[in-house]
Protein backbone atom coordinates (compact mmCIF):
# COMPACT_ATOMS: atom_id res chain seq x y z
CA MET A 1 -10.32 -15.25 -11.41
CA PHE A 2 -7.70 -13.84 -8.73
CA SER A 3 -5.43 -16.84 -6.99
CA GLU A 4 -4.41 -15.38 -3.50
CA ARG A 5 -0.50 -15.06 -4.65
CA GLU A 6 -2.07 -12.25 -7.29
CA VAL A 7 -3.36 -10.53 -4.03
CA LEU A 8 -0.30 -10.79 -2.04
CA GLU A 9 1.67 -10.43 -5.10
CA ILE A 10 -0.59 -7.00 -5.85
CA ALA A 11 -0.38 -5.72 -1.85
CA ILE A 12 3.68 -5.97 -2.34
CA ARG A 13 3.66 -4.58 -5.45
CA MET A 14 1.28 -1.41 -3.67
CA GLU A 15 3.98 -1.36 -0.98
CA LYS A 16 7.27 -1.44 -3.14
CA ASN A 17 5.72 1.38 -5.50
CA GLY A 18 4.62 3.32 -2.07
CA GLU A 19 8.40 2.57 -0.86
CA ASP A 20 10.17 3.75 -3.92
CA GLU A 21 7.65 7.07 -4.29
CA TYR A 22 8.35 8.36 -1.21
CA ARG A 23 12.20 7.72 -1.21
CA LYS A 24 12.11 9.59 -4.74
CA ALA A 25 10.22 12.08 -3.15
CA ALA A 26 12.67 12.52 0.05
CA GLY A 27 15.47 12.44 -2.11
CA ALA A 28 14.17 15.65 -4.24
CA LEU A 29 13.46 17.80 -1.58
CA THR A 30 15.69 19.26 0.84
CA ASP A 31 13.16 20.50 3.79
CA PRO A 32 14.59 18.55 6.22
CA THR A 33 10.69 17.66 8.41
CA LEU A 34 10.10 16.90 4.77
CA VAL A 35 12.81 14.19 3.87
CA ALA A 36 12.46 12.90 7.19
CA SER A 37 8.60 11.91 7.10
CA LEU A 38 9.09 10.36 3.56
CA GLU A 39 12.02 8.29 4.49
CA TRP A 40 10.21 7.41 7.97
CA MET A 41 6.86 6.40 5.21
CA ALA A 42 9.05 4.65 3.30
CA ASP A 43 10.16 2.27 5.87
CA GLU A 44 6.67 1.86 6.81
CA GLU A 45 6.16 0.73 3.48
CA HIS A 46 8.75 -1.45 3.53
CA GLU A 47 7.83 -3.85 6.68
CA HIS A 48 4.37 -3.58 5.03
CA ALA A 49 6.27 -5.25 1.88
CA LYS A 50 8.20 -7.45 3.84
CA PHE A 51 5.10 -8.38 5.61
CA PHE A 52 3.46 -9.75 2.39
CA THR A 53 6.18 -11.74 0.90
CA ALA A 54 6.70 -13.54 4.90
CA LEU A 55 2.82 -14.15 3.63
CA LEU A 56 3.44 -15.13 0.26
CA GLU A 57 6.60 -17.88 1.39
CA GLU A 58 4.26 -19.32 3.83
CA MET A 59 1.36 -19.90 1.32
CA ASP A 60 3.71 -21.32 -0.85
CA ALA A 61 5.45 -23.25 1.66
CA ARG A 62 1.66 -25.04 3.40
CA ALA A 63 -0.11 -24.94 -0.29
CA LYS A 64 -3.22 -23.43 1.37
CA SER A 65 -5.07 -20.84 0.60
CA HIS A 66 -6.77 -18.11 2.87
CA PHE A 67 -8.55 -16.53 0.17
CA GLY A 68 -9.98 -19.38 -1.02
CA GLU A 69 -8.92 -20.99 -4.34
CA GLU A 70 -10.11 -17.83 -6.30
CA LEU A 71 -11.73 -14.85 -5.78
CA ASP A 72 -14.44 -13.25 -7.78
CA ALA A 73 -12.62 -11.80 -10.99
CA THR A 74 -15.41 -8.99 -11.11
CA PHE A 75 -15.15 -7.88 -7.67
CA LEU A 76 -11.37 -7.23 -7.59
CA LYS A 77 -11.24 -6.30 -11.64
CA ASP A 78 -13.65 -3.07 -10.17
CA LEU A 79 -11.49 -2.20 -7.59
CA ILE A 80 -8.61 -2.71 -9.84
CA GLY A 81 -10.07 -1.17 -13.05
CA GLY A 82 -11.42 2.15 -11.43
CA SER A 83 -7.94 2.75 -9.81
CA SER A 84 -4.06 3.00 -9.43
CA LEU A 85 -4.12 1.33 -6.36
CA SER A 86 -0.33 2.36 -5.73
CA LEU A 87 0.22 0.30 -9.21
CA LYS A 88 1.65 3.59 -11.00
CA THR A 89 4.84 5.90 -10.70
CA VAL A 90 3.80 9.63 -10.13
CA ASP A 91 5.53 11.77 -12.93
CA PHE A 92 7.26 14.64 -11.05
CA SER A 93 7.21 16.68 -14.04
CA GLU A 94 3.68 17.37 -13.96
CA VAL A 95 3.59 17.83 -9.84
CA GLU A 96 3.62 21.75 -9.44
CA ASP A 97 4.18 21.56 -5.95
CA ILE A 98 4.65 19.54 -2.82
CA THR A 99 1.09 19.90 -1.83
CA GLU A 100 0.18 18.30 -4.95
CA LEU A 101 2.57 15.92 -4.15
CA LEU A 102 1.43 15.03 -0.58
CA ASN A 103 -2.05 15.11 -1.97
CA ILE A 104 -1.20 12.64 -4.62
CA TYR A 105 0.62 10.18 -2.11
CA ILE A 106 -3.18 10.61 0.51
CA GLY A 107 -4.46 9.12 -2.56
CA PHE A 108 -2.10 6.26 -2.93
CA GLU A 109 -2.51 5.24 1.03
CA GLU A 110 -5.87 5.41 0.69
CA ASP A 111 -6.35 3.35 -2.26
CA SER A 112 -4.38 0.43 -0.14
CA ILE A 113 -6.35 1.02 2.91
CA LEU A 114 -9.49 0.34 0.25
CA PHE A 115 -7.73 -2.74 -0.93
CA TYR A 116 -6.72 -4.59 2.25
CA GLU A 117 -10.32 -3.78 3.50
CA MET A 118 -11.53 -5.28 0.61
CA ILE A 119 -9.70 -8.17 1.41
CA THR A 120 -10.00 -8.61 4.82
CA PRO A 121 -12.99 -10.13 5.10
CA MET A 122 -11.58 -13.29 2.61
CA ILE A 123 -8.92 -13.93 5.40
CA ASP A 124 -9.28 -16.34 7.51
CA ASN A 125 -6.39 -16.76 9.74
CA LEU A 126 -7.52 -14.29 12.46
CA ASP A 127 -3.80 -13.51 12.97
CA THR A 128 -3.10 -12.69 9.76
CA ARG A 129 -5.83 -10.99 9.65
CA PHE A 130 -4.97 -8.81 12.82
CA GLN A 131 -1.99 -8.37 10.96
CA VAL A 132 -3.67 -7.07 7.85
CA GLU A 133 -5.85 -4.34 10.07
CA ARG A 134 -2.62 -3.18 12.15
CA ILE A 135 -1.62 -2.57 8.54
CA ILE A 136 -4.89 -0.19 7.74
CA ALA A 137 -4.43 1.64 10.96
CA GLU A 138 -0.74 2.70 10.22
CA GLU A 139 -1.88 3.52 6.72
CA ARG A 140 -4.26 5.58 8.38
CA GLY A 141 -1.60 7.01 10.32
CA HIS A 142 0.22 7.77 7.34
CA ILE A 143 -2.52 9.77 5.64
CA LYS A 144 -2.92 11.83 9.25
CA ARG A 145 0.88 12.74 8.62
CA LEU A 146 0.91 13.22 5.05
CA LYS A 147 -2.57 15.96 5.91
CA GLU A 148 -0.24 17.24 8.77
CA LEU A 149 2.67 18.44 6.03
CA ALA A 150 0.18 19.41 2.85
CA TYR A 151 -1.39 21.67 5.28
CA ALA A 152 0.67 22.43 7.84
């Protein structure tokens, strides 16, 4: 079974991995537009990680669950088992061009949206739910920006 803590830790890890990947790519590129966009994306992921970290700290302070004591293990294992959910890093040596790299990042953003859409109905606190829905909207904006870069 997955506890609220484990779900939040997964969300934090996904966002931190996203931030790290975008910063690595930005550091390896020379095109100023791509670099600026990837740095912006990294900053966005950093803010998302801070939000989930604050939720985790709040949870520790109140010792009360928004998601319930445990989530169905099969449900989350199926969700996580079939996808990287941005939990792994990219082997840059195998990426052949910038479009391929941007498509990998689009997949990361899609994984994040999937995960957040799956957990949102389990969030009891309406303000927290609203904030997660805002993050979902931001992740969709990230996909749009990445697609613009990839197919420009």
